[in-house]
N, C-alpha and C. Protein backbone atom coordinates (compact mmCIF):
# COMPACT_ATOMS: atom_id res chain seq x y z
N MET A 1 12.12 2.40 -16.42
CA MET A 1 12.04 2.90 -17.78
C MET A 1 11.20 4.17 -17.79
N ALA A 2 11.79 5.26 -18.25
CA ALA A 2 11.02 6.49 -18.47
C ALA A 2 10.53 6.41 -19.91
N PRO A 3 9.24 6.20 -20.14
CA PRO A 3 8.73 6.02 -21.50
C PRO A 3 8.27 7.31 -22.14
N THR A 4 8.24 7.27 -23.45
CA THR A 4 7.64 8.35 -24.23
C THR A 4 7.11 7.73 -25.52
N THR A 5 6.34 8.48 -26.27
CA THR A 5 5.81 7.94 -27.52
C THR A 5 6.92 7.84 -28.55
N LEU A 6 6.72 6.96 -29.49
CA LEU A 6 7.67 6.78 -30.58
C LEU A 6 7.85 8.09 -31.34
N SER A 7 6.76 8.79 -31.61
CA SER A 7 6.83 10.06 -32.34
C SER A 7 7.65 11.10 -31.59
N THR A 8 7.42 11.22 -30.29
CA THR A 8 8.15 12.20 -29.49
C THR A 8 9.63 11.87 -29.44
N ALA A 9 9.95 10.59 -29.26
CA ALA A 9 11.36 10.18 -29.23
C ALA A 9 12.03 10.48 -30.57
N ALA A 10 11.33 10.20 -31.66
CA ALA A 10 11.91 10.45 -32.99
C ALA A 10 12.19 11.93 -33.19
N SER A 11 11.25 12.79 -32.84
CA SER A 11 11.46 14.23 -33.06
C SER A 11 12.47 14.81 -32.07
N THR A 12 12.44 14.37 -30.82
CA THR A 12 13.35 14.90 -29.81
C THR A 12 14.80 14.53 -30.11
N PHE A 13 15.03 13.30 -30.54
CA PHE A 13 16.40 12.82 -30.72
C PHE A 13 16.83 12.75 -32.18
N SER A 14 16.06 13.36 -33.08
CA SER A 14 16.39 13.40 -34.51
C SER A 14 16.64 12.01 -35.08
N LEU A 15 15.70 11.12 -34.83
CA LEU A 15 15.76 9.76 -35.35
C LEU A 15 14.49 9.50 -36.15
N SER A 16 14.56 8.55 -37.07
CA SER A 16 13.33 8.18 -37.79
C SER A 16 12.59 7.12 -36.97
N LYS A 17 11.28 7.08 -37.13
CA LYS A 17 10.48 6.07 -36.43
C LYS A 17 10.93 4.67 -36.82
N ASN A 18 11.19 4.49 -38.10
CA ASN A 18 11.62 3.19 -38.61
C ASN A 18 12.94 2.77 -37.96
N GLU A 19 13.86 3.70 -37.85
CA GLU A 19 15.16 3.44 -37.24
C GLU A 19 15.00 3.01 -35.77
N ILE A 20 14.14 3.70 -35.06
CA ILE A 20 13.90 3.35 -33.66
C ILE A 20 13.28 1.96 -33.55
N GLU A 21 12.26 1.70 -34.38
CA GLU A 21 11.57 0.41 -34.30
C GLU A 21 12.49 -0.77 -34.60
N LYS A 22 13.49 -0.55 -35.44
CA LYS A 22 14.42 -1.63 -35.78
C LYS A 22 15.47 -1.87 -34.70
N LYS A 23 15.77 -0.84 -33.89
CA LYS A 23 16.92 -0.94 -32.98
C LYS A 23 16.57 -1.08 -31.50
N ILE A 24 15.41 -0.61 -31.07
CA ILE A 24 15.07 -0.70 -29.65
C ILE A 24 13.65 -1.24 -29.48
N PRO A 25 13.36 -1.83 -28.31
CA PRO A 25 12.01 -2.37 -28.07
C PRO A 25 10.93 -1.29 -28.11
N VAL A 26 9.81 -1.64 -28.72
CA VAL A 26 8.66 -0.73 -28.80
C VAL A 26 7.46 -1.46 -28.19
N VAL A 27 6.76 -0.80 -27.29
CA VAL A 27 5.58 -1.37 -26.64
C VAL A 27 4.35 -0.69 -27.23
N THR A 28 3.35 -1.48 -27.58
CA THR A 28 2.08 -0.94 -28.06
C THR A 28 1.11 -0.92 -26.89
N THR A 29 0.52 0.23 -26.62
CA THR A 29 -0.36 0.38 -25.46
C THR A 29 -1.78 -0.08 -25.77
N LEU A 30 -2.56 -0.23 -24.73
CA LEU A 30 -3.97 -0.56 -24.85
C LEU A 30 -4.80 0.62 -24.37
N PRO A 31 -5.94 0.88 -25.00
CA PRO A 31 -6.82 1.93 -24.49
C PRO A 31 -7.30 1.54 -23.09
N GLY A 32 -7.53 2.53 -22.25
CA GLY A 32 -8.01 2.25 -20.90
C GLY A 32 -7.91 3.46 -20.01
N ILE A 33 -8.14 3.23 -18.73
CA ILE A 33 -8.07 4.29 -17.73
C ILE A 33 -6.83 4.04 -16.89
N TYR A 34 -6.00 5.07 -16.77
CA TYR A 34 -4.71 4.94 -16.10
C TYR A 34 -4.53 6.03 -15.05
N THR A 35 -3.70 5.77 -14.09
CA THR A 35 -3.29 6.64 -12.98
C THR A 35 -4.43 6.83 -11.99
N ILE A 36 -4.07 7.28 -10.81
CA ILE A 36 -5.06 7.50 -9.76
C ILE A 36 -6.03 8.61 -10.15
N GLU A 37 -5.61 9.50 -11.04
CA GLU A 37 -6.50 10.57 -11.51
C GLU A 37 -7.49 10.07 -12.54
N ARG A 38 -7.40 8.78 -12.91
CA ARG A 38 -8.31 8.16 -13.87
C ARG A 38 -8.24 8.80 -15.24
N THR A 39 -7.04 8.96 -15.75
CA THR A 39 -6.83 9.52 -17.07
C THR A 39 -7.24 8.48 -18.11
N GLU A 40 -8.18 8.84 -18.97
CA GLU A 40 -8.63 7.90 -20.00
C GLU A 40 -7.80 8.10 -21.26
N ARG A 41 -7.30 6.99 -21.79
CA ARG A 41 -6.55 7.01 -23.04
C ARG A 41 -7.29 6.14 -24.04
N LYS A 42 -7.73 6.74 -25.15
CA LYS A 42 -8.48 6.00 -26.16
C LYS A 42 -7.58 5.54 -27.31
N ARG A 43 -6.54 6.32 -27.57
CA ARG A 43 -5.65 6.01 -28.69
C ARG A 43 -4.65 4.92 -28.31
N ILE A 44 -4.31 4.10 -29.29
CA ILE A 44 -3.24 3.13 -29.13
C ILE A 44 -1.95 3.85 -29.49
N LEU A 45 -0.96 3.74 -28.60
CA LEU A 45 0.31 4.43 -28.81
C LEU A 45 1.44 3.43 -28.92
N LYS A 46 2.49 3.84 -29.61
CA LYS A 46 3.74 3.09 -29.61
C LYS A 46 4.67 3.83 -28.68
N VAL A 47 5.22 3.11 -27.70
CA VAL A 47 6.00 3.72 -26.63
C VAL A 47 7.39 3.10 -26.57
N VAL A 48 8.38 3.95 -26.30
CA VAL A 48 9.77 3.49 -26.18
C VAL A 48 10.40 4.07 -24.91
N SER A 49 11.51 3.50 -24.51
CA SER A 49 12.28 4.02 -23.39
C SER A 49 13.03 5.27 -23.83
N VAL A 50 12.90 6.35 -23.05
CA VAL A 50 13.63 7.58 -23.36
C VAL A 50 15.13 7.30 -23.33
N ARG A 51 15.59 6.56 -22.33
CA ARG A 51 17.02 6.26 -22.18
C ARG A 51 17.54 5.49 -23.40
N LYS A 52 16.79 4.49 -23.86
CA LYS A 52 17.24 3.71 -25.03
C LYS A 52 17.24 4.56 -26.30
N ALA A 53 16.24 5.43 -26.45
CA ALA A 53 16.21 6.31 -27.62
C ALA A 53 17.39 7.28 -27.59
N LEU A 54 17.69 7.80 -26.41
CA LEU A 54 18.84 8.70 -26.27
C LEU A 54 20.14 7.97 -26.59
N THR A 55 20.29 6.77 -26.08
CA THR A 55 21.48 5.97 -26.36
C THR A 55 21.62 5.72 -27.85
N LEU A 56 20.52 5.40 -28.51
CA LEU A 56 20.54 5.18 -29.96
C LEU A 56 20.97 6.45 -30.69
N ALA A 57 20.45 7.60 -30.27
CA ALA A 57 20.82 8.87 -30.91
C ALA A 57 22.30 9.16 -30.72
N LEU A 58 22.82 8.91 -29.53
CA LEU A 58 24.25 9.15 -29.27
C LEU A 58 25.13 8.19 -30.06
N GLU A 59 24.70 6.93 -30.16
CA GLU A 59 25.45 5.96 -30.96
C GLU A 59 25.48 6.38 -32.43
N LYS A 60 24.35 6.88 -32.90
CA LYS A 60 24.27 7.34 -34.29
C LYS A 60 25.26 8.48 -34.54
N GLN A 61 25.48 9.30 -33.52
CA GLN A 61 26.43 10.42 -33.65
C GLN A 61 27.84 10.03 -33.21
N ASN A 62 28.06 8.73 -32.94
CA ASN A 62 29.36 8.21 -32.49
C ASN A 62 29.82 8.85 -31.19
N LYS A 63 28.90 9.06 -30.28
CA LYS A 63 29.24 9.60 -28.97
C LYS A 63 29.14 8.48 -27.94
N ALA A 64 29.70 8.73 -26.77
CA ALA A 64 29.70 7.74 -25.69
C ALA A 64 28.28 7.52 -25.16
N GLN A 65 28.12 6.40 -24.45
CA GLN A 65 26.85 6.11 -23.79
C GLN A 65 26.50 7.25 -22.83
N PRO A 66 25.23 7.54 -22.63
CA PRO A 66 24.86 8.60 -21.69
C PRO A 66 25.19 8.18 -20.26
N PRO A 67 25.66 9.11 -19.43
CA PRO A 67 25.91 8.77 -18.04
C PRO A 67 24.61 8.47 -17.32
N GLY A 68 24.70 7.70 -16.23
CA GLY A 68 23.52 7.24 -15.49
C GLY A 68 22.44 8.27 -15.28
N GLU A 69 22.68 9.29 -14.52
CA GLU A 69 21.66 10.29 -14.23
C GLU A 69 22.09 11.70 -14.60
N ASP A 70 23.22 11.86 -15.24
CA ASP A 70 23.70 13.20 -15.60
C ASP A 70 22.98 13.65 -16.86
N LEU A 71 22.04 14.56 -16.70
CA LEU A 71 21.23 15.02 -17.82
C LEU A 71 21.62 16.42 -18.26
N THR A 72 22.76 16.91 -17.82
CA THR A 72 23.12 18.31 -18.09
C THR A 72 23.33 18.60 -19.56
N ASN A 73 23.71 17.61 -20.35
CA ASN A 73 23.97 17.86 -21.77
C ASN A 73 22.73 17.73 -22.65
N LEU A 74 21.62 17.37 -22.07
CA LEU A 74 20.40 17.22 -22.86
C LEU A 74 19.66 18.55 -22.92
N ASP A 75 18.94 18.73 -23.99
CA ASP A 75 18.12 19.94 -24.04
C ASP A 75 16.92 19.79 -23.09
N LYS A 76 16.24 20.87 -22.83
CA LYS A 76 15.15 20.87 -21.85
C LYS A 76 14.05 19.86 -22.19
N LYS A 77 13.70 19.74 -23.45
CA LYS A 77 12.63 18.83 -23.85
C LYS A 77 12.99 17.39 -23.50
N ALA A 78 14.23 16.99 -23.75
CA ALA A 78 14.66 15.63 -23.43
C ALA A 78 14.67 15.40 -21.92
N ARG A 79 15.13 16.38 -21.15
CA ARG A 79 15.13 16.26 -19.68
C ARG A 79 13.70 16.10 -19.17
N ASP A 80 12.78 16.87 -19.73
CA ASP A 80 11.39 16.78 -19.31
C ASP A 80 10.81 15.40 -19.60
N LEU A 81 11.22 14.79 -20.71
CA LEU A 81 10.74 13.45 -21.04
C LEU A 81 11.13 12.46 -19.95
N ILE A 82 12.34 12.58 -19.46
CA ILE A 82 12.84 11.64 -18.47
C ILE A 82 12.22 11.89 -17.10
N ARG A 83 12.00 13.12 -16.77
CA ARG A 83 11.56 13.47 -15.42
C ARG A 83 10.05 13.53 -15.23
N HIS A 84 9.26 13.31 -16.26
CA HIS A 84 7.81 13.47 -16.15
C HIS A 84 7.22 12.25 -15.44
N TYR A 85 7.21 12.29 -14.11
CA TYR A 85 6.83 11.14 -13.30
C TYR A 85 5.38 10.71 -13.47
N ASN A 86 4.45 11.62 -13.51
CA ASN A 86 3.03 11.26 -13.51
C ASN A 86 2.41 11.13 -14.90
N ASP A 87 3.20 11.10 -15.93
CA ASP A 87 2.67 10.93 -17.28
C ASP A 87 1.95 9.59 -17.36
N PRO A 88 0.69 9.58 -17.77
CA PRO A 88 -0.05 8.32 -17.86
C PRO A 88 0.64 7.27 -18.72
N ILE A 89 1.49 7.69 -19.64
CA ILE A 89 2.19 6.71 -20.48
C ILE A 89 3.00 5.75 -19.62
N ARG A 90 3.53 6.23 -18.50
CA ARG A 90 4.29 5.35 -17.60
C ARG A 90 3.44 4.15 -17.18
N PHE A 91 2.17 4.39 -16.94
CA PHE A 91 1.31 3.34 -16.43
C PHE A 91 0.76 2.46 -17.56
N MET A 92 0.88 2.94 -18.78
CA MET A 92 0.39 2.17 -19.93
C MET A 92 1.39 1.10 -20.35
N VAL A 93 2.60 1.16 -19.84
CA VAL A 93 3.61 0.17 -20.21
C VAL A 93 4.07 -0.63 -19.00
N SER A 94 3.21 -0.73 -17.99
CA SER A 94 3.55 -1.53 -16.82
C SER A 94 2.47 -2.58 -16.60
N THR A 95 2.84 -3.62 -15.91
CA THR A 95 1.89 -4.68 -15.63
C THR A 95 2.18 -5.26 -14.25
N PRO A 96 1.16 -5.57 -13.48
CA PRO A 96 1.42 -6.19 -12.18
C PRO A 96 1.91 -7.62 -12.37
N ILE A 97 2.86 -8.00 -11.57
CA ILE A 97 3.41 -9.35 -11.63
C ILE A 97 2.94 -10.10 -10.39
N PRO A 98 2.37 -11.29 -10.56
CA PRO A 98 1.89 -12.01 -9.39
C PRO A 98 3.04 -12.42 -8.46
N TYR A 99 2.72 -12.53 -7.19
CA TYR A 99 3.67 -12.98 -6.17
C TYR A 99 3.49 -14.48 -6.00
N LEU A 100 4.58 -15.24 -6.01
CA LEU A 100 4.51 -16.68 -5.79
C LEU A 100 4.75 -16.95 -4.32
N ASN A 101 3.74 -17.43 -3.65
CA ASN A 101 3.84 -17.80 -2.25
C ASN A 101 4.37 -19.22 -2.21
N THR A 102 5.65 -19.36 -1.88
CA THR A 102 6.28 -20.69 -1.90
C THR A 102 5.83 -21.57 -0.74
N ARG A 103 5.30 -20.96 0.30
CA ARG A 103 4.84 -21.73 1.46
C ARG A 103 3.65 -22.62 1.09
N ASP A 104 2.67 -22.06 0.40
CA ASP A 104 1.50 -22.87 0.03
C ASP A 104 1.35 -23.03 -1.48
N HIS A 105 2.38 -22.69 -2.23
CA HIS A 105 2.45 -22.92 -3.68
C HIS A 105 1.25 -22.34 -4.44
N ARG A 106 0.98 -21.08 -4.19
CA ARG A 106 -0.06 -20.40 -4.96
C ARG A 106 0.40 -18.98 -5.27
N THR A 107 -0.22 -18.40 -6.27
CA THR A 107 0.13 -17.03 -6.64
C THR A 107 -0.93 -16.08 -6.10
N GLU A 108 -0.49 -14.85 -5.82
CA GLU A 108 -1.40 -13.79 -5.39
C GLU A 108 -1.16 -12.58 -6.27
N LEU A 109 -2.23 -11.96 -6.74
CA LEU A 109 -2.11 -10.78 -7.58
C LEU A 109 -1.95 -9.50 -6.78
N GLY A 110 -2.27 -9.55 -5.52
CA GLY A 110 -2.15 -8.36 -4.67
C GLY A 110 -3.49 -7.74 -4.39
N VAL A 111 -3.55 -7.04 -3.28
CA VAL A 111 -4.76 -6.37 -2.83
C VAL A 111 -4.41 -4.91 -2.58
N TRP A 112 -5.19 -3.99 -3.14
CA TRP A 112 -4.97 -2.56 -2.92
C TRP A 112 -6.04 -2.06 -1.98
N CYS A 113 -5.68 -1.11 -1.15
CA CYS A 113 -6.62 -0.60 -0.15
C CYS A 113 -7.49 0.51 -0.74
N ARG A 114 -8.78 0.23 -0.82
CA ARG A 114 -9.72 1.24 -1.32
C ARG A 114 -9.86 2.38 -0.32
N GLY A 115 -9.65 2.10 0.96
CA GLY A 115 -9.72 3.15 1.97
C GLY A 115 -8.65 4.20 1.75
N CYS A 116 -7.42 3.77 1.48
CA CYS A 116 -6.33 4.72 1.21
C CYS A 116 -6.64 5.53 -0.05
N GLU A 117 -7.22 4.88 -1.04
CA GLU A 117 -7.60 5.58 -2.26
C GLU A 117 -8.69 6.62 -1.96
N LEU A 118 -9.65 6.25 -1.12
CA LEU A 118 -10.72 7.17 -0.76
C LEU A 118 -10.16 8.40 -0.04
N VAL A 119 -9.20 8.20 0.85
CA VAL A 119 -8.57 9.33 1.55
C VAL A 119 -7.96 10.28 0.54
N TRP A 120 -7.30 9.73 -0.48
CA TRP A 120 -6.69 10.57 -1.51
C TRP A 120 -7.75 11.36 -2.26
N TYR A 121 -8.85 10.70 -2.63
CA TYR A 121 -9.91 11.39 -3.36
C TYR A 121 -10.58 12.47 -2.52
N ARG A 122 -10.72 12.21 -1.24
CA ARG A 122 -11.36 13.20 -0.36
C ARG A 122 -10.47 14.40 -0.09
N SER A 123 -9.17 14.22 -0.26
CA SER A 123 -8.24 15.32 -0.03
C SER A 123 -8.52 16.42 -1.04
N SER A 124 -8.79 17.62 -0.57
CA SER A 124 -9.14 18.71 -1.49
C SER A 124 -7.93 19.18 -2.28
N SER A 125 -6.74 18.97 -1.74
CA SER A 125 -5.56 19.53 -2.40
C SER A 125 -4.84 18.52 -3.28
N HIS A 126 -4.94 17.24 -2.98
CA HIS A 126 -4.18 16.21 -3.69
C HIS A 126 -2.69 16.57 -3.73
N ARG A 127 -2.19 17.14 -2.63
CA ARG A 127 -0.80 17.57 -2.59
C ARG A 127 0.09 16.61 -1.81
N TRP A 128 -0.19 15.35 -1.84
CA TRP A 128 0.68 14.41 -1.15
C TRP A 128 2.02 14.41 -1.85
N SER A 129 3.07 14.15 -1.11
CA SER A 129 4.39 14.04 -1.74
C SER A 129 4.41 12.80 -2.62
N SER A 130 5.30 12.77 -3.60
CA SER A 130 5.35 11.61 -4.49
C SER A 130 5.72 10.35 -3.71
N ASP A 131 6.55 10.46 -2.65
CA ASP A 131 6.88 9.29 -1.84
C ASP A 131 5.64 8.75 -1.15
N CYS A 132 4.84 9.64 -0.60
CA CYS A 132 3.61 9.23 0.07
C CYS A 132 2.65 8.61 -0.94
N TYR A 133 2.54 9.24 -2.11
CA TYR A 133 1.68 8.74 -3.18
C TYR A 133 2.07 7.31 -3.55
N LYS A 134 3.36 7.10 -3.80
CA LYS A 134 3.83 5.77 -4.19
C LYS A 134 3.59 4.76 -3.07
N ARG A 135 3.93 5.14 -1.86
CA ARG A 135 3.84 4.22 -0.73
C ARG A 135 2.39 3.83 -0.44
N VAL A 136 1.51 4.79 -0.39
CA VAL A 136 0.13 4.52 0.02
C VAL A 136 -0.73 3.97 -1.11
N LEU A 137 -0.72 4.63 -2.23
CA LEU A 137 -1.65 4.26 -3.30
C LEU A 137 -1.15 3.12 -4.18
N ASP A 138 0.15 2.96 -4.29
CA ASP A 138 0.68 1.92 -5.15
C ASP A 138 1.11 0.67 -4.39
N THR A 139 0.75 0.57 -3.12
CA THR A 139 1.12 -0.60 -2.34
C THR A 139 0.12 -1.72 -2.59
N ALA A 140 0.64 -2.82 -3.09
CA ALA A 140 -0.17 -4.03 -3.25
C ALA A 140 0.18 -4.95 -2.09
N TYR A 141 -0.82 -5.33 -1.34
CA TYR A 141 -0.60 -6.19 -0.18
C TYR A 141 -0.90 -7.63 -0.53
N LEU A 142 -0.18 -8.56 0.09
CA LEU A 142 -0.63 -9.94 0.08
C LEU A 142 -1.89 -9.98 0.93
N GLU A 143 -2.74 -10.96 0.71
CA GLU A 143 -4.01 -10.98 1.43
C GLU A 143 -3.80 -10.92 2.94
N GLU A 144 -2.83 -11.66 3.43
CA GLU A 144 -2.53 -11.69 4.86
C GLU A 144 -2.06 -10.31 5.35
N GLU A 145 -1.23 -9.64 4.55
CA GLU A 145 -0.74 -8.30 4.91
C GLU A 145 -1.88 -7.29 4.90
N TYR A 146 -2.80 -7.44 3.95
CA TYR A 146 -3.90 -6.49 3.87
C TYR A 146 -4.77 -6.53 5.12
N LEU A 147 -4.97 -7.70 5.66
CA LEU A 147 -5.78 -7.82 6.87
C LEU A 147 -5.15 -7.05 8.03
N ARG A 148 -3.80 -7.08 8.13
CA ARG A 148 -3.11 -6.29 9.17
C ARG A 148 -3.26 -4.80 8.87
N HIS A 149 -3.14 -4.41 7.58
CA HIS A 149 -3.29 -3.01 7.20
C HIS A 149 -4.72 -2.53 7.52
N PHE A 150 -5.69 -3.35 7.22
CA PHE A 150 -7.10 -3.01 7.44
C PHE A 150 -7.35 -2.63 8.90
N GLU A 151 -6.70 -3.34 9.82
CA GLU A 151 -6.89 -3.06 11.24
C GLU A 151 -6.49 -1.63 11.60
N LYS A 152 -5.54 -1.04 10.85
CA LYS A 152 -5.04 0.30 11.14
C LYS A 152 -5.66 1.38 10.26
N CYS A 153 -6.32 1.01 9.18
CA CYS A 153 -6.81 1.98 8.19
C CYS A 153 -8.27 2.34 8.47
N GLU A 154 -8.47 3.52 9.04
CA GLU A 154 -9.82 3.96 9.40
C GLU A 154 -10.72 4.11 8.17
N ALA A 155 -10.16 4.59 7.06
CA ALA A 155 -10.97 4.76 5.84
C ALA A 155 -11.44 3.41 5.30
N ALA A 156 -10.59 2.40 5.38
CA ALA A 156 -10.99 1.06 4.92
C ALA A 156 -12.12 0.53 5.80
N LYS A 157 -12.01 0.76 7.10
CA LYS A 157 -13.08 0.33 8.02
C LYS A 157 -14.38 1.07 7.71
N GLU A 158 -14.28 2.36 7.42
CA GLU A 158 -15.46 3.15 7.07
C GLU A 158 -16.12 2.59 5.81
N LEU A 159 -15.32 2.30 4.80
CA LEU A 159 -15.87 1.71 3.57
C LEU A 159 -16.51 0.36 3.85
N TRP A 160 -15.84 -0.43 4.69
CA TRP A 160 -16.37 -1.74 5.03
C TRP A 160 -17.76 -1.60 5.65
N GLU A 161 -17.91 -0.67 6.59
CA GLU A 161 -19.21 -0.46 7.22
C GLU A 161 -20.26 -0.03 6.20
N LEU A 162 -19.89 0.85 5.28
CA LEU A 162 -20.82 1.29 4.24
C LEU A 162 -21.23 0.12 3.35
N PHE A 163 -20.26 -0.73 3.02
CA PHE A 163 -20.57 -1.89 2.18
C PHE A 163 -21.47 -2.87 2.93
N ILE A 164 -21.23 -3.07 4.20
CA ILE A 164 -22.07 -3.97 5.00
C ILE A 164 -23.52 -3.46 5.01
N ARG A 165 -23.70 -2.15 5.22
CA ARG A 165 -25.05 -1.56 5.24
C ARG A 165 -25.74 -1.70 3.90
N GLU A 166 -24.97 -1.63 2.81
CA GLU A 166 -25.56 -1.72 1.47
C GLU A 166 -25.65 -3.16 0.98
N GLY A 167 -25.16 -4.12 1.77
CA GLY A 167 -25.25 -5.53 1.39
C GLY A 167 -24.23 -5.97 0.36
N LYS A 168 -23.14 -5.24 0.23
CA LYS A 168 -22.12 -5.61 -0.74
C LYS A 168 -21.11 -6.55 -0.11
N GLY A 169 -20.46 -7.38 -0.92
CA GLY A 169 -19.47 -8.33 -0.42
C GLY A 169 -18.06 -7.75 -0.38
N LEU A 170 -17.16 -8.46 0.27
CA LEU A 170 -15.78 -8.01 0.43
C LEU A 170 -15.08 -7.82 -0.91
N GLU A 171 -15.44 -8.62 -1.90
CA GLU A 171 -14.77 -8.49 -3.20
C GLU A 171 -14.95 -7.10 -3.79
N HIS A 172 -16.04 -6.42 -3.46
CA HIS A 172 -16.25 -5.05 -3.95
C HIS A 172 -15.31 -4.07 -3.27
N LEU A 173 -14.87 -4.40 -2.06
CA LEU A 173 -14.04 -3.48 -1.29
C LEU A 173 -12.56 -3.60 -1.62
N HIS A 174 -12.00 -4.80 -1.59
CA HIS A 174 -10.55 -4.89 -1.65
C HIS A 174 -9.98 -5.26 -3.00
N ARG A 175 -10.77 -5.69 -3.94
CA ARG A 175 -10.24 -6.06 -5.24
C ARG A 175 -10.48 -4.99 -6.30
N GLY A 176 -11.24 -3.96 -5.99
CA GLY A 176 -11.73 -3.06 -7.02
C GLY A 176 -10.90 -1.83 -7.29
N ARG A 177 -9.60 -1.86 -7.07
CA ARG A 177 -8.79 -0.65 -7.25
C ARG A 177 -8.97 -0.04 -8.63
N HIS A 178 -9.15 -0.86 -9.63
CA HIS A 178 -9.16 -0.34 -11.00
C HIS A 178 -10.57 0.01 -11.49
N ARG A 179 -11.55 -0.08 -10.60
CA ARG A 179 -12.90 0.34 -10.96
C ARG A 179 -13.01 1.84 -10.76
N GLU A 180 -14.01 2.40 -11.40
CA GLU A 180 -14.25 3.84 -11.25
C GLU A 180 -14.87 4.13 -9.88
N TRP A 181 -14.42 5.19 -9.25
CA TRP A 181 -15.08 5.66 -8.04
C TRP A 181 -16.30 6.47 -8.48
N ASP A 182 -17.42 6.20 -7.86
CA ASP A 182 -18.61 7.00 -8.07
C ASP A 182 -18.50 8.20 -7.15
N SER A 183 -18.88 9.38 -7.62
CA SER A 183 -18.74 10.58 -6.80
C SER A 183 -19.52 10.46 -5.50
N ARG A 184 -20.59 9.68 -5.49
CA ARG A 184 -21.36 9.52 -4.27
C ARG A 184 -20.60 8.71 -3.23
N ILE A 185 -19.70 7.81 -3.67
CA ILE A 185 -18.86 7.07 -2.73
C ILE A 185 -17.91 8.04 -2.05
N VAL A 186 -17.31 8.90 -2.83
CA VAL A 186 -16.36 9.87 -2.30
C VAL A 186 -17.03 10.75 -1.26
N GLU A 187 -18.29 11.07 -1.48
CA GLU A 187 -19.03 11.92 -0.53
C GLU A 187 -19.58 11.12 0.65
N GLY A 188 -19.38 9.80 0.64
CA GLY A 188 -19.80 8.99 1.78
C GLY A 188 -21.10 8.23 1.60
N GLN A 189 -21.67 8.22 0.40
CA GLN A 189 -22.90 7.49 0.15
C GLN A 189 -22.61 6.42 -0.90
N ILE A 190 -22.67 5.16 -0.51
CA ILE A 190 -22.36 4.08 -1.44
C ILE A 190 -23.53 3.87 -2.40
N VAL A 191 -23.27 4.00 -3.69
CA VAL A 191 -24.25 3.68 -4.72
C VAL A 191 -23.47 3.01 -5.85
N ILE A 192 -23.55 1.70 -5.92
CA ILE A 192 -22.77 0.98 -6.94
C ILE A 192 -23.71 0.25 -7.86
């Protein structure tokens, strides 16, 4: 789902907010910090799928359903709505889904590697490709998988050593993806 705000969808596709709310699903966001860049959102937004809003607009004009990825007939503003990959709104309408381990009948929420995140923060350019970004930073490991990843991730080992010296436990290292990085951590000095 490529999301956008209800207001933007209404103005872009010449629909009323009321009309959209009656015909397609609307998600209400929560204030918080989103994306790896730690974008803070304080306002509560109403968000809709760009594709569903476009379909509604075309139906209103008695036109056919929009083709899968053919965006040539849309104006530039509508195309930008669909293609804006790093818009924090995308992350405001997503939720992690637990993994059900059928072998031992328990759920796991996933483990993110703080070492990989640290490498990204230390990078002066932040010019990783979007594939690399998705693969490295958005990978949630099962606990067993994370232990194998840890063996290969030098940054995770470095963080582990810093945490050991500072007397911090493992829970501070591998569960804290959504906590704020302190600038001193990025520079190599743990102060939590």
